[in-house]
């Protein structure tokens, strides 16, 4: 079974970003899972089973910043990645600010 997780950090506050809605889709755009980050900005398990191929995580960043009264440039962030080994852990962190973001393959 594939283990897929994410973590969103708000770079403007230096704290985790709770309440960010995240959607996992496959390469055809089919929704496989949805979840919302917890108080620590984490979603511990997103994969609905064994995954292999290209997937997308869509983060609803616009709603997150709007809820905090902050104007932002990116209404959503889409991270496209490839799972080549379904037995490996995949962690996709997002470092977020109103006018920039970065991501990487975490551990």
C-alpha atoms as a PDB file:
ATOM      1  CA  UNK A   1       0.000   0.000   0.000  1.00  0.00           C
ATOM      2  CA  UNK A   2       1.318   3.434  -0.908  1.00  0.00           C
ATOM      3  CA  UNK A   3       1.811   5.904   1.916  1.00  0.00           C
ATOM      4  CA  UNK A   4       1.230   9.500   0.756  1.00  0.00           C
ATOM      5  CA  UNK A   5       1.245  12.418   3.167  1.00  0.00           C
ATOM      6  CA  UNK A   6       1.583  16.200   3.076  1.00  0.00           C
ATOM      7  CA  UNK A   7       2.397  19.082   5.375  1.00  0.00           C
ATOM      8  CA  UNK A   8       1.618  22.766   4.771  1.00  0.00           C
ATOM      9  CA  UNK A   9       3.626  25.491   6.488  1.00  0.00           C
ATOM     10  CA  UNK A  10       2.633  29.160   6.415  1.00  0.00           C
ATOM     11  CA  UNK A  11       5.907  31.011   5.793  1.00  0.00           C
ATOM     12  CA  UNK A  12       4.372  34.378   6.742  1.00  0.00           C
ATOM     13  CA  UNK A  13       3.614  33.250  10.281  1.00  0.00           C
ATOM     14  CA  UNK A  14       6.292  30.570  10.604  1.00  0.00           C
ATOM     15  CA  UNK A  15       3.607  28.134  11.746  1.00  0.00           C
ATOM     16  CA  UNK A  16       1.683  25.149  10.393  1.00  0.00           C
ATOM     17  CA  UNK A  17      -1.286  25.928   8.126  1.00  0.00           C
ATOM     18  CA  UNK A  18      -4.405  24.211   9.523  1.00  0.00           C
ATOM     19  CA  UNK A  19      -7.616  23.996   7.521  1.00  0.00           C
ATOM     20  CA  UNK A  20      -6.126  23.801   4.022  1.00  0.00           C
ATOM     21  CA  UNK A  21      -8.300  21.630   1.774  1.00  0.00           C
ATOM     22  CA  UNK A  22      -6.265  19.208  -0.352  1.00  0.00           C
ATOM     23  CA  UNK A  23      -7.466  17.065  -3.266  1.00  0.00           C
ATOM     24  CA  UNK A  24      -5.579  14.106  -4.754  1.00  0.00           C
ATOM     25  CA  UNK A  25      -6.290  13.398  -8.426  1.00  0.00           C
ATOM     26  CA  UNK A  26      -4.837  11.006 -10.965  1.00  0.00           C
ATOM     27  CA  UNK A  27      -3.414  11.972 -14.371  1.00  0.00           C
ATOM     28  CA  UNK A  28      -6.907  11.947 -15.903  1.00  0.00           C
ATOM     29  CA  UNK A  29      -8.254  14.318 -13.270  1.00  0.00           C
ATOM     30  CA  UNK A  30     -10.294  11.737 -11.350  1.00  0.00           C
ATOM     31  CA  UNK A  31     -10.574  12.632  -7.659  1.00  0.00           C
ATOM     32  CA  UNK A  32      -9.065   9.879  -5.509  1.00  0.00           C
ATOM     33  CA  UNK A  33      -9.126  11.540  -2.086  1.00  0.00           C
ATOM     34  CA  UNK A  34      -9.853  14.789  -0.297  1.00  0.00           C
ATOM     35  CA  UNK A  35      -8.754  15.909   3.146  1.00  0.00           C
ATOM     36  CA  UNK A  36      -8.041  19.004   5.207  1.00  0.00           C
ATOM     37  CA  UNK A  37      -4.839  19.762   7.092  1.00  0.00           C
ATOM     38  CA  UNK A  38      -5.042  19.300  10.853  1.00  0.00           C
ATOM     39  CA  UNK A  39      -3.905  21.737  13.569  1.00  0.00           C
ATOM     40  CA  UNK A  40      -0.291  20.849  12.766  1.00  0.00           C
ATOM     41  CA  UNK A  41      -0.818  21.523   9.040  1.00  0.00           C
ATOM     42  CA  UNK A  42      -0.576  17.808   8.271  1.00  0.00           C
ATOM     43  CA  UNK A  43      -2.495  15.143   6.429  1.00  0.00           C
ATOM     44  CA  UNK A  44      -1.008  11.843   7.515  1.00  0.00           C
ATOM     45  CA  UNK A  45      -2.500   9.557   4.896  1.00  0.00           C
ATOM     46  CA  UNK A  46      -3.977  10.510   1.530  1.00  0.00           C
ATOM     47  CA  UNK A  47      -3.416   7.428  -0.617  1.00  0.00           C
ATOM     48  CA  UNK A  48      -6.549   5.328  -1.120  1.00  0.00           C
ATOM     49  CA  UNK A  49      -4.545   2.153  -1.827  1.00  0.00           C
ATOM     50  CA  UNK A  50      -1.645   1.194  -4.025  1.00  0.00           C
ATOM     51  CA  UNK A  51      -0.681   4.021  -6.358  1.00  0.00           C
ATOM     52  CA  UNK A  52       1.684   4.118  -9.316  1.00  0.00           C
ATOM     53  CA  UNK A  53       1.986   6.831 -11.971  1.00  0.00           C
ATOM     54  CA  UNK A  54       1.450  10.588 -12.132  1.00  0.00           C
ATOM     55  CA  UNK A  55      -0.746  12.340  -9.552  1.00  0.00           C
ATOM     56  CA  UNK A  56      -1.664  15.860  -8.479  1.00  0.00           C
ATOM     57  CA  UNK A  57      -2.220  17.427  -5.102  1.00  0.00           C
ATOM     58  CA  UNK A  58      -4.330  20.583  -5.286  1.00  0.00           C
ATOM     59  CA  UNK A  59      -4.107  22.861  -2.254  1.00  0.00           C
ATOM     60  CA  UNK A  60      -6.926  25.392  -1.742  1.00  0.00           C
ATOM     61  CA  UNK A  61      -4.608  28.210  -0.698  1.00  0.00           C
ATOM     62  CA  UNK A  62      -6.996  31.024  -1.605  1.00  0.00           C
ATOM     63  CA  UNK A  63      -9.585  29.923   0.930  1.00  0.00           C
ATOM     64  CA  UNK A  64      -6.902  29.478   3.585  1.00  0.00           C
ATOM     65  CA  UNK A  65      -5.595  33.027   3.186  1.00  0.00           C
ATOM     66  CA  UNK A  66      -9.107  34.505   2.824  1.00  0.00           C
ATOM     67  CA  UNK A  67     -10.082  32.919   6.152  1.00  0.00           C
ATOM     68  CA  UNK A  68      -7.129  34.762   7.711  1.00  0.00           C
ATOM     69  CA  UNK A  69      -7.980  38.078   6.024  1.00  0.00           C
ATOM     70  CA  UNK A  70      -4.870  37.963   3.840  1.00  0.00           C
ATOM     71  CA  UNK A  71      -4.854  38.843   0.134  1.00  0.00           C
ATOM     72  CA  UNK A  72      -3.001  36.293  -1.990  1.00  0.00           C
ATOM     73  CA  UNK A  73      -1.949  35.787  -5.589  1.00  0.00           C
ATOM     74  CA  UNK A  74      -2.413  32.008  -5.940  1.00  0.00           C
ATOM     75  CA  UNK A  75      -5.985  30.759  -5.380  1.00  0.00           C
ATOM     76  CA  UNK A  76      -4.646  27.213  -5.501  1.00  0.00           C
ATOM     77  CA  UNK A  77      -1.350  25.399  -5.733  1.00  0.00           C
ATOM     78  CA  UNK A  78      -1.137  22.259  -7.852  1.00  0.00           C
ATOM     79  CA  UNK A  79       1.801  19.921  -7.298  1.00  0.00           C
ATOM     80  CA  UNK A  80       2.260  17.223  -9.934  1.00  0.00           C
ATOM     81  CA  UNK A  81       4.468  14.283  -8.982  1.00  0.00           C
ATOM     82  CA  UNK A  82       5.182  10.701  -9.955  1.00  0.00           C
ATOM     83  CA  UNK A  83       4.971   7.608  -7.802  1.00  0.00           C
ATOM     84  CA  UNK A  84       7.385   5.074  -9.230  1.00  0.00           C
ATOM     85  CA  UNK A  85       7.494   2.620  -6.323  1.00  0.00           C
ATOM     86  CA  UNK A  86       4.121   1.970  -4.643  1.00  0.00           C
ATOM     87  CA  UNK A  87       5.843   0.399  -1.624  1.00  0.00           C
ATOM     88  CA  UNK A  88       7.747   3.625  -0.800  1.00  0.00           C
ATOM     89  CA  UNK A  89       6.632   6.454   1.462  1.00  0.00           C
ATOM     90  CA  UNK A  90       5.882   9.727  -0.364  1.00  0.00           C
ATOM     91  CA  UNK A  91       5.694  12.999   1.552  1.00  0.00           C
ATOM     92  CA  UNK A  92       4.927  16.238  -0.338  1.00  0.00           C
ATOM     93  CA  UNK A  93       5.396  19.328   1.864  1.00  0.00           C
ATOM     94  CA  UNK A  94       4.239  22.792   0.794  1.00  0.00           C
ATOM     95  CA  UNK A  95       5.819  25.996   2.110  1.00  0.00           C
ATOM     96  CA  UNK A  96       3.273  28.727   1.513  1.00  0.00           C
ATOM     97  CA  UNK A  97       3.074  32.515   1.488  1.00  0.00           C
ATOM     98  CA  UNK A  98       0.556  34.855  -0.178  1.00  0.00           C
ATOM     99  CA  UNK A  99       2.803  35.543  -3.187  1.00  0.00           C
ATOM    100  CA  UNK A 100       5.092  32.493  -3.379  1.00  0.00           C
ATOM    101  CA  UNK A 101       5.301  28.806  -2.612  1.00  0.00           C
ATOM    102  CA  UNK A 102       7.799  25.973  -2.735  1.00  0.00           C
ATOM    103  CA  UNK A 103       7.592  22.228  -2.474  1.00  0.00           C
ATOM    104  CA  UNK A 104       9.937  19.248  -2.370  1.00  0.00           C
ATOM    105  CA  UNK A 105       9.931  15.521  -1.819  1.00  0.00           C
ATOM    106  CA  UNK A 106      10.122  15.067   1.899  1.00  0.00           C
ATOM    107  CA  UNK A 107      10.745  12.026   4.034  1.00  0.00           C
END
